[in-house]
Protein backbone atom coordinates (compact mmCIF):
# COMPACT_ATOMS: atom_id res chain seq x y z
CA UNK A 1 -9.07 18.75 137.61
CA UNK A 2 -5.70 16.85 137.06
CA UNK A 3 -4.75 15.15 133.91
CA UNK A 4 -2.78 11.69 134.48
CA UNK A 5 -1.02 10.75 131.50
CA UNK A 6 1.36 7.54 131.46
CA UNK A 7 4.39 7.09 129.47
CA UNK A 8 4.09 3.86 127.47
CA UNK A 9 6.43 4.48 124.67
CA UNK A 10 9.53 2.47 124.87
CA UNK A 11 12.56 4.24 125.26
CA UNK A 12 14.60 5.29 121.85
CA UNK A 13 18.20 5.76 121.53
CA UNK A 14 19.12 9.29 120.66
CA UNK A 15 20.63 9.34 117.10
CA UNK A 16 23.13 12.36 116.26
CA UNK A 17 23.24 13.24 112.77
CA UNK A 18 26.53 15.02 112.76
CA UNK A 19 27.38 18.56 113.65
CA UNK A 20 26.20 20.32 110.80
CA UNK A 21 22.88 18.45 110.78
CA UNK A 22 22.28 19.18 114.32
CA UNK A 23 23.34 23.26 113.80
CA UNK A 24 20.63 23.24 111.21
CA UNK A 25 17.92 21.69 113.48
CA UNK A 26 18.86 24.25 116.62
CA UNK A 27 16.11 26.75 115.55
CA UNK A 28 13.83 24.05 114.29
CA UNK A 29 13.37 22.22 117.38
CA UNK A 30 13.07 24.28 120.56
CA UNK A 31 13.57 22.68 123.85
CA UNK A 32 10.56 22.97 126.32
CA UNK A 33 11.15 22.63 130.13
CA UNK A 34 8.79 22.74 133.17
CA UNK A 35 9.24 22.32 136.70
CA UNK A 36 7.58 19.48 138.77
CA UNK A 37 7.34 17.91 142.29
CA UNK A 38 8.13 14.03 142.67
CA UNK A 39 5.12 11.86 143.98
CA UNK A 40 6.62 8.49 143.80
CA UNK A 41 9.90 6.96 142.65
CA UNK A 42 10.12 3.27 141.05
CA UNK A 43 13.52 1.85 141.03
CA UNK A 44 12.70 -1.30 138.89
CA UNK A 45 12.21 1.32 135.94
CA UNK A 46 14.37 4.05 137.14
CA UNK A 47 11.24 6.39 136.67
CA UNK A 48 9.14 8.72 138.85
CA UNK A 49 5.44 10.07 138.89
CA UNK A 50 5.44 13.61 138.92
CA UNK A 51 3.18 16.68 139.43
CA UNK A 52 3.91 19.64 136.77
CA UNK A 53 3.46 23.09 138.20
CA UNK A 54 0.50 23.22 136.03
CA UNK A 55 -1.18 20.62 138.01
CA UNK A 56 -0.69 17.95 135.49
CA UNK A 57 0.37 14.68 136.45
CA UNK A 58 2.92 12.32 134.76
CA UNK A 59 3.37 8.71 135.46
CA UNK A 60 6.69 6.70 134.99
CA UNK A 61 8.93 9.55 133.81
CA UNK A 62 12.46 8.44 133.14
CA UNK A 63 15.36 9.98 135.25
CA UNK A 64 18.59 10.74 133.81
CA UNK A 65 21.71 8.90 134.41
CA UNK A 66 24.45 11.43 135.54
CA UNK A 67 27.03 8.63 134.66
CA UNK A 68 27.42 7.50 131.19
CA UNK A 69 25.06 4.77 130.47
CA UNK A 70 25.79 1.92 128.60
CA UNK A 71 26.01 -2.00 128.04
CA UNK A 72 28.47 -4.61 129.16
CA UNK A 73 27.95 -7.95 130.98
CA UNK A 74 25.82 -6.24 133.46
CA UNK A 75 24.95 -2.58 132.03
CA UNK A 76 26.50 0.35 133.61
CA UNK A 77 25.16 3.90 134.37
CA UNK A 78 23.87 5.46 137.60
CA UNK A 79 20.54 5.21 139.73
CA UNK A 80 20.02 8.16 141.88
CA UNK A 81 16.15 8.42 142.03
CA UNK A 82 15.10 12.06 143.33
CA UNK A 83 12.86 11.36 146.86
CA UNK A 84 9.36 12.33 147.09
CA UNK A 85 8.47 16.03 147.09
CA UNK A 86 11.90 16.96 145.32
CA UNK A 87 11.31 19.74 142.78
CA UNK A 88 12.83 18.42 139.49
CA UNK A 89 12.97 20.01 136.13
CA UNK A 90 11.42 18.13 133.32
CA UNK A 91 12.75 18.14 129.61
CA UNK A 92 10.33 17.53 126.74
CA UNK A 93 12.97 17.24 123.78
CA UNK A 94 10.42 16.82 120.81
CA UNK A 95 7.71 19.09 122.41
CA UNK A 96 5.64 15.89 123.29
CA UNK A 97 4.61 15.28 126.89
CA UNK A 98 5.09 11.57 126.24
CA UNK A 99 9.03 12.33 125.69
CA UNK A 100 9.77 14.18 129.03
CA UNK A 101 12.56 12.86 131.36
CA UNK A 102 13.85 14.27 134.82
CA UNK A 103 16.91 16.37 134.11
CA UNK A 104 18.01 17.76 137.47
CA UNK A 105 17.20 19.59 140.35
CA UNK A 106 18.40 22.69 142.01
CA UNK A 107 18.94 24.30 145.28
CA UNK A 108 15.59 25.64 146.45
CA UNK A 109 15.89 29.25 147.13
CA UNK A 110 12.95 29.45 149.23
CA UNK A 111 14.17 26.53 151.62
CA UNK A 112 16.12 28.03 154.56
CA UNK A 113 17.73 24.60 155.44
CA UNK A 114 20.13 24.85 152.19
CA UNK A 115 21.64 28.11 153.82
CA UNK A 116 23.26 26.41 156.74
CA UNK A 117 25.98 24.69 154.61
CA UNK A 118 25.19 24.38 151.04
CA UNK A 119 24.38 28.13 150.52
CA UNK A 120 27.48 29.91 152.21
CA UNK A 121 30.10 32.49 150.92
CA UNK A 122 33.93 31.92 150.18
CA UNK A 123 33.41 28.10 148.91
CA UNK A 124 33.46 28.66 145.30
CA UNK A 125 36.59 26.11 144.58
CA UNK A 126 34.89 23.51 146.94
CA UNK A 127 32.65 20.68 145.86
CA UNK A 128 30.01 19.85 148.42
CA UNK A 129 27.30 17.06 148.18
CA UNK A 130 24.80 16.23 151.20
CA UNK A 131 22.62 13.15 150.36
CA UNK A 132 19.14 12.46 151.61
CA UNK A 133 20.59 9.99 154.21
CA UNK A 134 22.93 12.71 155.49
CA UNK A 135 26.00 11.66 153.80
CA UNK A 136 28.39 14.50 153.23
CA UNK A 137 31.08 14.56 150.91
CA UNK A 138 33.62 17.57 150.55
CA UNK A 139 36.07 18.13 148.09
CA UNK A 140 38.58 20.87 147.68
CA UNK A 141 39.42 21.55 144.08
CA UNK A 142 42.44 23.41 144.62
CA UNK A 143 44.40 21.03 146.95
CA UNK A 144 43.02 17.69 146.05
CA UNK A 145 41.84 17.04 149.90
CA UNK A 146 38.70 14.83 150.17
CA UNK A 147 36.45 13.98 153.24
CA UNK A 148 33.43 12.13 153.57
CA UNK A 149 31.32 11.98 156.83
CA UNK A 150 28.32 10.14 157.66
CA UNK A 151 26.80 8.83 160.99
CA UNK A 152 29.35 10.76 162.73
CA UNK A 153 32.50 8.88 161.40
CA UNK A 154 34.85 10.64 159.18
CA UNK A 155 37.17 9.53 156.52
CA UNK A 156 39.48 12.01 154.99
CA UNK A 157 42.54 12.03 152.76
CA UNK A 158 44.66 15.38 152.82
CA UNK A 159 46.41 17.27 150.01
CA UNK A 160 49.88 15.02 150.81
CA UNK A 161 47.75 11.85 150.49
CA UNK A 162 47.64 11.02 154.21
CA UNK A 163 44.57 9.20 155.16
CA UNK A 164 42.80 9.94 158.39
CA UNK A 165 39.80 7.33 159.32
CA UNK A 166 38.02 8.48 162.67
CA UNK A 167 35.14 6.22 163.88
CA UNK A 168 31.92 7.70 165.64
CA UNK A 169 32.25 8.42 169.47
CA UNK A 170 32.28 4.94 171.28
CA UNK A 171 32.45 3.00 168.21
CA UNK A 172 35.48 1.15 166.60
CA UNK A 173 37.35 0.55 163.34
CA UNK A 174 37.86 -3.15 162.32
CA UNK A 175 40.50 -4.43 160.13
CA UNK A 176 39.44 -7.77 158.58
CA UNK A 177 37.82 -8.96 161.78
CA UNK A 178 37.08 -8.06 165.42
CA UNK A 179 38.41 -11.04 167.55
CA UNK A 180 41.85 -9.52 168.46
CA UNK A 181 42.92 -5.95 169.42
CA UNK A 182 46.26 -4.22 168.45
CA UNK A 183 48.67 -2.53 170.52
CA UNK A 184 50.49 1.15 170.26
CA UNK A 185 54.16 1.26 169.78
CA UNK A 186 55.01 4.05 172.62
CA UNK A 187 52.89 2.62 175.21
CA UNK A 188 54.18 -0.91 174.74
CA UNK A 189 57.78 0.65 174.80
CA UNK A 190 57.07 2.46 178.00
CA UNK A 191 55.82 -0.79 179.60
CA UNK A 192 58.70 -3.07 178.63
CA UNK A 193 61.30 -0.28 179.97
CA UNK A 194 59.61 0.00 183.14
CA UNK A 195 59.67 -4.16 183.23
CA UNK A 196 63.35 -4.09 182.47
CA UNK A 197 64.21 -1.54 184.92
CA UNK A 198 62.72 -3.68 187.58
CA UNK A 199 64.61 -6.76 186.35
CA UNK A 200 67.77 -4.95 186.27
CA UNK A 201 67.48 -3.46 189.68
CA UNK A 202 66.20 -6.45 191.95
CA UNK A 203 68.79 -8.35 194.11
CA UNK A 204 68.46 -11.55 196.26
CA UNK A 205 69.87 -11.35 199.67
CA UNK A 206 70.81 -14.27 201.87
CA UNK A 207 72.27 -16.33 198.85
CA UNK A 208 74.75 -18.97 199.95
CA UNK A 209 77.03 -21.43 198.15
CA UNK A 210 75.51 -24.79 197.33
CA UNK A 211 72.15 -25.56 196.35
CA UNK A 212 70.52 -22.99 198.64
CA UNK A 213 68.12 -20.70 197.31
CA UNK A 214 65.94 -17.52 198.20
CA UNK A 215 62.76 -16.19 197.23
CA UNK A 216 62.53 -12.84 194.89
CA UNK A 217 62.27 -9.96 197.31
CA UNK A 218 59.97 -7.93 195.24
CA UNK A 219 57.93 -10.05 192.71
CA UNK A 220 57.86 -8.27 189.23
CA UNK A 221 55.05 -7.96 186.72
CA UNK A 222 54.77 -6.73 183.14
CA UNK A 223 51.53 -4.57 182.66
CA UNK A 224 51.05 -3.54 178.89
CA UNK A 225 47.12 -3.01 179.26
CA UNK A 226 47.86 0.56 178.46
CA UNK A 227 49.24 -0.29 175.06
CA UNK A 228 46.04 -1.58 173.74
CA UNK A 229 44.44 0.20 171.08
CA UNK A 230 40.96 -0.29 172.12
CA UNK A 231 39.10 1.21 169.37
CA UNK A 232 41.12 -0.66 166.46
CA UNK A 233 40.27 -4.24 165.78
CA UNK A 234 41.70 -7.05 163.68
CA UNK A 235 41.76 -10.68 163.49
C-alpha cells in the first residue's frame, strides 16, 4: 500500500537565533533524511513529487535553490528541477514529513554510464558538469581554463584569456547577423599580390604615336574567392 501526502503548508522563512542558540539546539533537533525517486516536476512552484525508498509518495516537495534566493524587482535564485526517475535526497528539518525538501542528488554508483566521463581518475582539480540535455561544462581549477560543449559546438577560454569558438561541423558563426561574409587577411593579401604581379608585368605591343590604341594582350582578373571566411557571417 502506498501513502500519498501533499504539502499544503505555506513556506516559512528560516530564522536563526544566533550562534549560541543554534549550538544549544544542535543535539535537540536531529536532522532526518531519506532517499527518494522523482515522479514528476512542477516548474510553477519549483516542486517535485517523489517516492521515498520506503514506498511513501510525497507531493509538491520544494526543491533547494543552489543560488541564494532573495527578493528584488523580479526575485532571484535558481530553478533547476531534477528530471523524472532521478534519485534525490530529501531532508526533514523538524522531523515532520510535511517540511521535507529536496536537498541534492549524487552520482549513482550503480550506474555504469557515469564511469565514462564523470567517474575517472586524475581529475581531482577539475570541475565537470554534464546536464540532462548534453551540455558539458569543464573548468580547470588550477589554470582557470574553461570550456563549454553542446550540440558539437565548443566555446573555450584558455589560461591566458584567449577565446576560441568552434561551431559544429557544417555550421557557421554569426556576428550580429548573417547577410554578409568576412574575408581573411592572408588569402586576400595573396590574391592582391597575384593581381599586382600581373598588372606590373603586362605590356602593350603595336603602340604608335597619336591617337591609336591597342587591346590588352592578356586580360587580367582579381579573384579573392579564397579569402572568403565561409563559416563566419555578419551584417
